[in-house]
């Protein structure tokens, strides 16, 4: 992956609060914010499928 592409995607994740960047000298360390990712996953799973019934399909013979 091109460094500019990686930087673009990391910037988006930082802006969303899903990645935290720590600068030490000239180096930048990226780490996932697992609490934020968990909250996002809980929101998505609680909101995306409300009112949707999941039907079990019979196995194809």
C-alpha atoms as a PDB file:
ATOM      1  CA  UNK A   1       0.000   0.000   0.000  1.00  0.00           C
ATOM      2  CA  UNK A   2       1.327   3.425  -0.867  1.00  0.00           C
ATOM      3  CA  UNK A   3       2.315   5.514   2.175  1.00  0.00           C
ATOM      4  CA  UNK A   4      -0.041   8.320   1.124  1.00  0.00           C
ATOM      5  CA  UNK A   5      -2.951   5.860   0.943  1.00  0.00           C
ATOM      6  CA  UNK A   6      -2.117   4.468   4.363  1.00  0.00           C
ATOM      7  CA  UNK A   7      -1.847   7.982   5.811  1.00  0.00           C
ATOM      8  CA  UNK A   8      -5.228   8.891   4.312  1.00  0.00           C
ATOM      9  CA  UNK A   9      -6.969   5.855   5.824  1.00  0.00           C
ATOM     10  CA  UNK A  10      -5.259   6.302   9.197  1.00  0.00           C
ATOM     11  CA  UNK A  11      -6.310   9.957   9.234  1.00  0.00           C
ATOM     12  CA  UNK A  12      -9.919   8.928   8.660  1.00  0.00           C
ATOM     13  CA  UNK A  13      -9.757   6.396  11.506  1.00  0.00           C
ATOM     14  CA  UNK A  14      -8.157   8.982  13.812  1.00  0.00           C
ATOM     15  CA  UNK A  15     -10.877  11.508  12.935  1.00  0.00           C
ATOM     16  CA  UNK A  16     -13.506   8.862  13.730  1.00  0.00           C
ATOM     17  CA  UNK A  17     -11.886   8.188  17.114  1.00  0.00           C
ATOM     18  CA  UNK A  18     -11.103   4.567  16.308  1.00  0.00           C
ATOM     19  CA  UNK A  19      -7.308   5.001  16.203  1.00  0.00           C
ATOM     20  CA  UNK A  20      -5.142   6.983  18.612  1.00  0.00           C
ATOM     21  CA  UNK A  21      -1.805   8.368  17.488  1.00  0.00           C
ATOM     22  CA  UNK A  22       1.131   8.905  19.855  1.00  0.00           C
ATOM     23  CA  UNK A  23       4.048  10.969  18.584  1.00  0.00           C
ATOM     24  CA  UNK A  24       7.455  10.177  20.049  1.00  0.00           C
ATOM     25  CA  UNK A  25      10.115  12.299  18.458  1.00  0.00           C
ATOM     26  CA  UNK A  26       9.838  11.835  14.707  1.00  0.00           C
ATOM     27  CA  UNK A  27       7.904   8.581  14.993  1.00  0.00           C
ATOM     28  CA  UNK A  28       4.138   8.202  15.135  1.00  0.00           C
ATOM     29  CA  UNK A  29       2.668   5.152  16.818  1.00  0.00           C
ATOM     30  CA  UNK A  30      -0.885   4.143  15.943  1.00  0.00           C
ATOM     31  CA  UNK A  31      -3.047   2.029  18.184  1.00  0.00           C
ATOM     32  CA  UNK A  32      -6.644   0.941  18.005  1.00  0.00           C
ATOM     33  CA  UNK A  33      -9.094   2.369  20.520  1.00  0.00           C
ATOM     34  CA  UNK A  34     -10.849  -0.898  21.335  1.00  0.00           C
ATOM     35  CA  UNK A  35     -13.424   0.764  23.607  1.00  0.00           C
ATOM     36  CA  UNK A  36     -14.495   3.069  20.763  1.00  0.00           C
ATOM     37  CA  UNK A  37     -14.584   0.137  18.317  1.00  0.00           C
ATOM     38  CA  UNK A  38     -16.729  -1.860  20.745  1.00  0.00           C
ATOM     39  CA  UNK A  39     -19.157   1.051  21.159  1.00  0.00           C
ATOM     40  CA  UNK A  40     -19.371   1.409  17.381  1.00  0.00           C
ATOM     41  CA  UNK A  41     -20.033  -2.319  16.912  1.00  0.00           C
ATOM     42  CA  UNK A  42     -22.729  -2.240  19.605  1.00  0.00           C
ATOM     43  CA  UNK A  43     -24.379   0.773  17.983  1.00  0.00           C
ATOM     44  CA  UNK A  44     -24.330  -0.804  14.542  1.00  0.00           C
ATOM     45  CA  UNK A  45     -25.726  -4.126  15.732  1.00  0.00           C
ATOM     46  CA  UNK A  46     -28.433  -2.472  17.843  1.00  0.00           C
ATOM     47  CA  UNK A  47     -29.556   0.017  15.174  1.00  0.00           C
ATOM     48  CA  UNK A  48     -29.051  -1.561  11.779  1.00  0.00           C
ATOM     49  CA  UNK A  49     -31.412  -4.486  12.025  1.00  0.00           C
ATOM     50  CA  UNK A  50     -34.303  -3.227  14.146  1.00  0.00           C
ATOM     51  CA  UNK A  51     -37.582  -4.505  12.761  1.00  0.00           C
ATOM     52  CA  UNK A  52     -35.880  -6.961  10.432  1.00  0.00           C
ATOM     53  CA  UNK A  53     -36.852 -10.586  10.832  1.00  0.00           C
ATOM     54  CA  UNK A  54     -34.209 -13.140  10.025  1.00  0.00           C
ATOM     55  CA  UNK A  55     -35.637 -16.081   8.164  1.00  0.00           C
ATOM     56  CA  UNK A  56     -33.915 -19.432   8.150  1.00  0.00           C
ATOM     57  CA  UNK A  57     -33.553 -20.757   4.645  1.00  0.00           C
ATOM     58  CA  UNK A  58     -33.861 -24.482   4.097  1.00  0.00           C
ATOM     59  CA  UNK A  59     -30.755 -26.237   2.852  1.00  0.00           C
ATOM     60  CA  UNK A  60     -30.644 -26.740  -0.896  1.00  0.00           C
ATOM     61  CA  UNK A  61     -30.918 -30.370  -1.844  1.00  0.00           C
END
